[in-house]
Amino acid sequence: ANVLKNKFKFSNEIIQTTLKYISQIARVIKPQRSIKVLKDEPDNRILECAIEAKAEI
């Protein structure tokens, strides 16, 4: 939510609406292992979630 507000200057109302929508269509994934293979550390978190969810890429 902070990225939406700070980087994109979204209002609190837009943020809440967006989060509500995402929570209705998404599934929360909590990776069981940490991966450190990518240079950009936040990208490792995305990769961890994709692996945990068994995403087809």
PDB file of N, CA and C in Angstrom:
ATOM      1  N   ALA A   1       0.824  -1.193   0.000  1.00  0.00           N
ATOM      2  CA  ALA A   1       0.000   0.000   0.000  1.00  0.00           C
ATOM      3  C   ALA A   1       0.868   1.257   0.000  1.00  0.00           C
ATOM      4  N   ASN A   2       2.000   1.206   0.680  1.00  0.00           N
ATOM      5  CA  ASN A   2       2.871   2.383   0.717  1.00  0.00           C
ATOM      6  C   ASN A   2       3.414   2.735  -0.660  1.00  0.00           C
ATOM      7  N   VAL A   3       3.711   1.719  -1.465  1.00  0.00           N
ATOM      8  CA  VAL A   3       4.209   1.987  -2.815  1.00  0.00           C
ATOM      9  C   VAL A   3       3.141   2.695  -3.636  1.00  0.00           C
ATOM     10  N   LEU A   4       1.890   2.235  -3.512  1.00  0.00           N
ATOM     11  CA  LEU A   4       0.810   2.876  -4.258  1.00  0.00           C
ATOM     12  C   LEU A   4       0.663   4.336  -3.866  1.00  0.00           C
ATOM     13  N   LYS A   5       0.805   4.606  -2.586  1.00  0.00           N
ATOM     14  CA  LYS A   5       0.626   5.976  -2.096  1.00  0.00           C
ATOM     15  C   LYS A   5       1.831   6.854  -2.442  1.00  0.00           C
ATOM     16  N   ASN A   6       3.029   6.370  -2.150  1.00  0.00           N
ATOM     17  CA  ASN A   6       4.227   7.188  -2.325  1.00  0.00           C
ATOM     18  C   ASN A   6       4.681   7.303  -3.779  1.00  0.00           C
ATOM     19  N   LYS A   7       4.742   6.192  -4.475  1.00  0.00           N
ATOM     20  CA  LYS A   7       5.263   6.209  -5.840  1.00  0.00           C
ATOM     21  C   LYS A   7       4.237   6.707  -6.850  1.00  0.00           C
ATOM     22  N   PHE A   8       2.982   6.272  -6.682  1.00  0.00           N
ATOM     23  CA  PHE A   8       1.961   6.598  -7.669  1.00  0.00           C
ATOM     24  C   PHE A   8       0.993   7.688  -7.212  1.00  0.00           C
ATOM     25  N   LYS A   9       1.144   8.142  -5.969  1.00  0.00           N
ATOM     26  CA  LYS A   9       0.312   9.223  -5.417  1.00  0.00           C
ATOM     27  C   LYS A   9      -1.172   8.863  -5.394  1.00  0.00           C
ATOM     28  N   PHE A  10      -1.481   7.572  -5.130  1.00  0.00           N
ATOM     29  CA  PHE A  10      -2.870   7.139  -5.030  1.00  0.00           C
ATOM     30  C   PHE A  10      -3.464   7.620  -3.718  1.00  0.00           C
ATOM     31  N   SER A  11      -4.743   7.937  -3.734  1.00  0.00           N
ATOM     32  CA  SER A  11      -5.440   8.344  -2.515  1.00  0.00           C
ATOM     33  C   SER A  11      -5.697   7.114  -1.653  1.00  0.00           C
ATOM     34  N   ASN A  12      -5.971   7.326  -0.375  1.00  0.00           N
ATOM     35  CA  ASN A  12      -6.280   6.218   0.535  1.00  0.00           C
ATOM     36  C   ASN A  12      -7.505   5.444   0.057  1.00  0.00           C
ATOM     37  N   GLU A  13      -8.479   6.155  -0.498  1.00  0.00           N
ATOM     38  CA  GLU A  13      -9.696   5.500  -0.990  1.00  0.00           C
ATOM     39  C   GLU A  13      -9.382   4.551  -2.149  1.00  0.00           C
ATOM     40  N   ILE A  14      -8.566   5.009  -3.080  1.00  0.00           N
ATOM     41  CA  ILE A  14      -8.175   4.167  -4.219  1.00  0.00           C
ATOM     42  C   ILE A  14      -7.381   2.960  -3.724  1.00  0.00           C
ATOM     43  N   ILE A  15      -6.499   3.174  -2.777  1.00  0.00           N
ATOM     44  CA  ILE A  15      -5.697   2.076  -2.231  1.00  0.00           C
ATOM     45  C   ILE A  15      -6.593   1.031  -1.587  1.00  0.00           C
ATOM     46  N   GLN A  16      -7.536   1.455  -0.771  1.00  0.00           N
ATOM     47  CA  GLN A  16      -8.430   0.512  -0.097  1.00  0.00           C
ATOM     48  C   GLN A  16      -9.287  -0.257  -1.100  1.00  0.00           C
ATOM     49  N   THR A  17      -9.783   0.433  -2.111  1.00  0.00           N
ATOM     50  CA  THR A  17     -10.577  -0.226  -3.149  1.00  0.00           C
ATOM     51  C   THR A  17      -9.733  -1.254  -3.897  1.00  0.00           C
ATOM     52  N   THR A  18      -8.512  -0.881  -4.220  1.00  0.00           N
ATOM     53  CA  THR A  18      -7.605  -1.783  -4.933  1.00  0.00           C
ATOM     54  C   THR A  18      -7.269  -3.008  -4.096  1.00  0.00           C
ATOM     55  N   LEU A  19      -6.943  -2.806  -2.829  1.00  0.00           N
ATOM     56  CA  LEU A  19      -6.609  -3.928  -1.948  1.00  0.00           C
ATOM     57  C   LEU A  19      -7.804  -4.859  -1.756  1.00  0.00           C
ATOM     58  N   LYS A  20      -8.994  -4.287  -1.650  1.00  0.00           N
ATOM     59  CA  LYS A  20     -10.199  -5.106  -1.505  1.00  0.00           C
ATOM     60  C   LYS A  20     -10.404  -5.964  -2.748  1.00  0.00           C
ATOM     61  N   TYR A  21     -10.240  -5.370  -3.916  1.00  0.00           N
ATOM     62  CA  TYR A  21     -10.396  -6.109  -5.166  1.00  0.00           C
ATOM     63  C   TYR A  21      -9.362  -7.231  -5.268  1.00  0.00           C
ATOM     64  N   ILE A  22      -8.120  -6.912  -4.991  1.00  0.00           N
ATOM     65  CA  ILE A  22      -7.059  -7.920  -5.075  1.00  0.00           C
ATOM     66  C   ILE A  22      -7.324  -9.062  -4.107  1.00  0.00           C
ATOM     67  N   SER A  23      -7.788  -8.756  -2.913  1.00  0.00           N
ATOM     68  CA  SER A  23      -8.042  -9.810  -1.919  1.00  0.00           C
ATOM     69  C   SER A  23      -9.169 -10.748  -2.353  1.00  0.00           C
ATOM     70  N   GLN A  24     -10.036 -10.291  -3.239  1.00  0.00           N
ATOM     71  CA  GLN A  24     -11.135 -11.125  -3.727  1.00  0.00           C
ATOM     72  C   GLN A  24     -10.704 -12.075  -4.839  1.00  0.00           C
ATOM     73  N   ILE A  25      -9.639 -11.740  -5.549  1.00  0.00           N
ATOM     74  CA  ILE A  25      -9.232 -12.558  -6.692  1.00  0.00           C
ATOM     75  C   ILE A  25      -7.879 -13.244  -6.503  1.00  0.00           C
ATOM     76  N   ALA A  26      -7.183 -12.922  -5.429  1.00  0.00           N
ATOM     77  CA  ALA A  26      -5.829 -13.446  -5.236  1.00  0.00           C
ATOM     78  C   ALA A  26      -5.768 -14.433  -4.075  1.00  0.00           C
ATOM     79  N   ARG A  27      -4.689 -15.168  -4.050  1.00  0.00           N
ATOM     80  CA  ARG A  27      -4.432 -16.099  -2.959  1.00  0.00           C
ATOM     81  C   ARG A  27      -3.118 -15.687  -2.302  1.00  0.00           C
ATOM     82  N   VAL A  28      -3.099 -15.634  -0.980  1.00  0.00           N
ATOM     83  CA  VAL A  28      -1.891 -15.263  -0.249  1.00  0.00           C
ATOM     84  C   VAL A  28      -0.949 -16.462  -0.222  1.00  0.00           C
ATOM     85  N   ILE A  29       0.285 -16.229  -0.603  1.00  0.00           N
ATOM     86  CA  ILE A  29       1.312 -17.264  -0.618  1.00  0.00           C
ATOM     87  C   ILE A  29       2.396 -16.868   0.377  1.00  0.00           C
ATOM     88  N   LYS A  30       2.762 -17.802   1.239  1.00  0.00           N
ATOM     89  CA  LYS A  30       3.852 -17.574   2.191  1.00  0.00           C
ATOM     90  C   LYS A  30       4.939 -18.607   1.919  1.00  0.00           C
ATOM     91  N   PRO A  31       5.969 -18.202   1.184  1.00  0.00           N
ATOM     92  CA  PRO A  31       7.029 -19.134   0.814  1.00  0.00           C
ATOM     93  C   PRO A  31       7.694 -19.772   2.040  1.00  0.00           C
ATOM     94  N   GLN A  32       8.021 -21.055   1.902  1.00  0.00           N
ATOM     95  CA  GLN A  32       8.656 -21.798   2.986  1.00  0.00           C
ATOM     96  C   GLN A  32      10.176 -21.700   2.943  1.00  0.00           C
ATOM     97  N   ARG A  33      10.712 -21.242   1.803  1.00  0.00           N
ATOM     98  CA  ARG A  33      12.160 -21.117   1.700  1.00  0.00           C
ATOM     99  C   ARG A  33      12.539 -19.792   1.058  1.00  0.00           C
ATOM    100  N   SER A  34      13.726 -19.356   1.375  1.00  0.00           N
ATOM    101  CA  SER A  34      14.245 -18.097   0.856  1.00  0.00           C
ATOM    102  C   SER A  34      15.175 -18.386  -0.323  1.00  0.00           C
ATOM    103  N   ILE A  35      15.056 -17.590  -1.353  1.00  0.00           N
ATOM    104  CA  ILE A  35      15.884 -17.750  -2.544  1.00  0.00           C
ATOM    105  C   ILE A  35      16.689 -16.473  -2.751  1.00  0.00           C
ATOM    106  N   LYS A  36      17.962 -16.645  -3.061  1.00  0.00           N
ATOM    107  CA  LYS A  36      18.825 -15.493  -3.327  1.00  0.00           C
ATOM    108  C   LYS A  36      19.609 -15.759  -4.606  1.00  0.00           C
ATOM    109  N   VAL A  37      18.916 -15.680  -5.731  1.00  0.00           N
ATOM    110  CA  VAL A  37      19.558 -15.941  -7.019  1.00  0.00           C
ATOM    111  C   VAL A  37      19.540 -14.728  -7.946  1.00  0.00           C
ATOM    112  N   LEU A  38      18.713 -13.759  -7.640  1.00  0.00           N
ATOM    113  CA  LEU A  38      18.597 -12.580  -8.493  1.00  0.00           C
ATOM    114  C   LEU A  38      19.303 -11.387  -7.866  1.00  0.00           C
ATOM    115  N   LYS A  39      19.855 -10.528  -8.690  1.00  0.00           N
ATOM    116  CA  LYS A  39      20.585  -9.359  -8.206  1.00  0.00           C
ATOM    117  C   LYS A  39      19.670  -8.395  -7.449  1.00  0.00           C
ATOM    118  N   ASP A  40      18.475  -8.173  -7.983  1.00  0.00           N
ATOM    119  CA  ASP A  40      17.515  -7.262  -7.361  1.00  0.00           C
ATOM    120  C   ASP A  40      16.747  -8.031  -6.281  1.00  0.00           C
ATOM    121  N   GLU A  41      17.068  -7.787  -5.028  1.00  0.00           N
ATOM    122  CA  GLU A  41      16.537  -8.573  -3.904  1.00  0.00           C
ATOM    123  C   GLU A  41      15.009  -8.675  -3.877  1.00  0.00           C
ATOM    124  N   PRO A  42      14.253  -7.611  -4.116  1.00  0.00           N
ATOM    125  CA  PRO A  42      12.786  -7.757  -4.116  1.00  0.00           C
ATOM    126  C   PRO A  42      12.279  -8.748  -5.165  1.00  0.00           C
ATOM    127  N   ASP A  43      13.024  -8.898  -6.259  1.00  0.00           N
ATOM    128  CA  ASP A  43      12.621  -9.868  -7.282  1.00  0.00           C
ATOM    129  C   ASP A  43      12.717 -11.300  -6.767  1.00  0.00           C
ATOM    130  N   ASN A  44      13.615 -11.549  -5.827  1.00  0.00           N
ATOM    131  CA  ASN A  44      13.711 -12.876  -5.217  1.00  0.00           C
ATOM    132  C   ASN A  44      12.417 -13.231  -4.487  1.00  0.00           C
ATOM    133  N   ARG A  45      11.771 -12.250  -3.864  1.00  0.00           N
ATOM    134  CA  ARG A  45      10.503 -12.508  -3.165  1.00  0.00           C
ATOM    135  C   ARG A  45       9.431 -12.946  -4.159  1.00  0.00           C
ATOM    136  N   ILE A  46       9.398 -12.296  -5.325  1.00  0.00           N
ATOM    137  CA  ILE A  46       8.427 -12.661  -6.362  1.00  0.00           C
ATOM    138  C   ILE A  46       8.690 -14.086  -6.838  1.00  0.00           C
ATOM    139  N   LEU A  47       9.946 -14.410  -7.057  1.00  0.00           N
ATOM    140  CA  LEU A  47      10.320 -15.756  -7.489  1.00  0.00           C
ATOM    141  C   LEU A  47       9.947 -16.790  -6.431  1.00  0.00           C
ATOM    142  N   GLU A  48      10.184 -16.484  -5.171  1.00  0.00           N
ATOM    143  CA  GLU A  48       9.803 -17.397  -4.075  1.00  0.00           C
ATOM    144  C   GLU A  48       8.308 -17.688  -4.103  1.00  0.00           C
ATOM    145  N   CYS A  49       7.512 -16.656  -4.284  1.00  0.00           N
ATOM    146  CA  CYS A  49       6.054 -16.842  -4.331  1.00  0.00           C
ATOM    147  C   CYS A  49       5.641 -17.665  -5.543  1.00  0.00           C
ATOM    148  N   ALA A  50       6.270 -17.408  -6.675  1.00  0.00           N
ATOM    149  CA  ALA A  50       5.940 -18.162  -7.885  1.00  0.00           C
ATOM    150  C   ALA A  50       6.262 -19.641  -7.710  1.00  0.00           C
ATOM    151  N   ILE A  51       7.392 -19.937  -7.098  1.00  0.00           N
ATOM    152  CA  ILE A  51       7.779 -21.333  -6.863  1.00  0.00           C
ATOM    153  C   ILE A  51       6.820 -21.983  -5.876  1.00  0.00           C
ATOM    154  N   GLU A  52       6.513 -21.303  -4.794  1.00  0.00           N
ATOM    155  CA  GLU A  52       5.611 -21.848  -3.773  1.00  0.00           C
ATOM    156  C   GLU A  52       4.221 -22.126  -4.348  1.00  0.00           C
ATOM    157  N   ALA A  53       3.764 -21.251  -5.238  1.00  0.00           N
ATOM    158  CA  ALA A  53       2.434 -21.404  -5.834  1.00  0.00           C
ATOM    159  C   ALA A  53       2.438 -22.385  -7.007  1.00  0.00           C
ATOM    160  N   LYS A  54       3.628 -22.882  -7.340  1.00  0.00           N
ATOM    161  CA  LYS A  54       3.777 -23.786  -8.491  1.00  0.00           C
ATOM    162  C   LYS A  54       3.250 -23.128  -9.769  1.00  0.00           C
ATOM    163  N   ALA A  55       3.614 -21.857  -9.919  1.00  0.00           N
ATOM    164  CA  ALA A  55       3.182 -21.090 -11.089  1.00  0.00           C
ATOM    165  C   ALA A  55       3.828 -21.642 -12.351  1.00  0.00           C
ATOM    166  N   GLU A  56       3.078 -21.642 -13.421  1.00  0.00           N
ATOM    167  CA  GLU A  56       3.604 -22.067 -14.713  1.00  0.00           C
ATOM    168  C   GLU A  56       4.120 -20.838 -15.438  1.00  0.00           C
ATOM    169  N   ILE A  57       5.414 -20.826 -15.668  1.00  0.00           N
ATOM    170  CA  ILE A  57       6.010 -19.666 -16.335  1.00  0.00           C
ATOM    171  C   ILE A  57       6.736 -20.077 -17.594  1.00  0.00           C
TER     172      ILE A  57
END
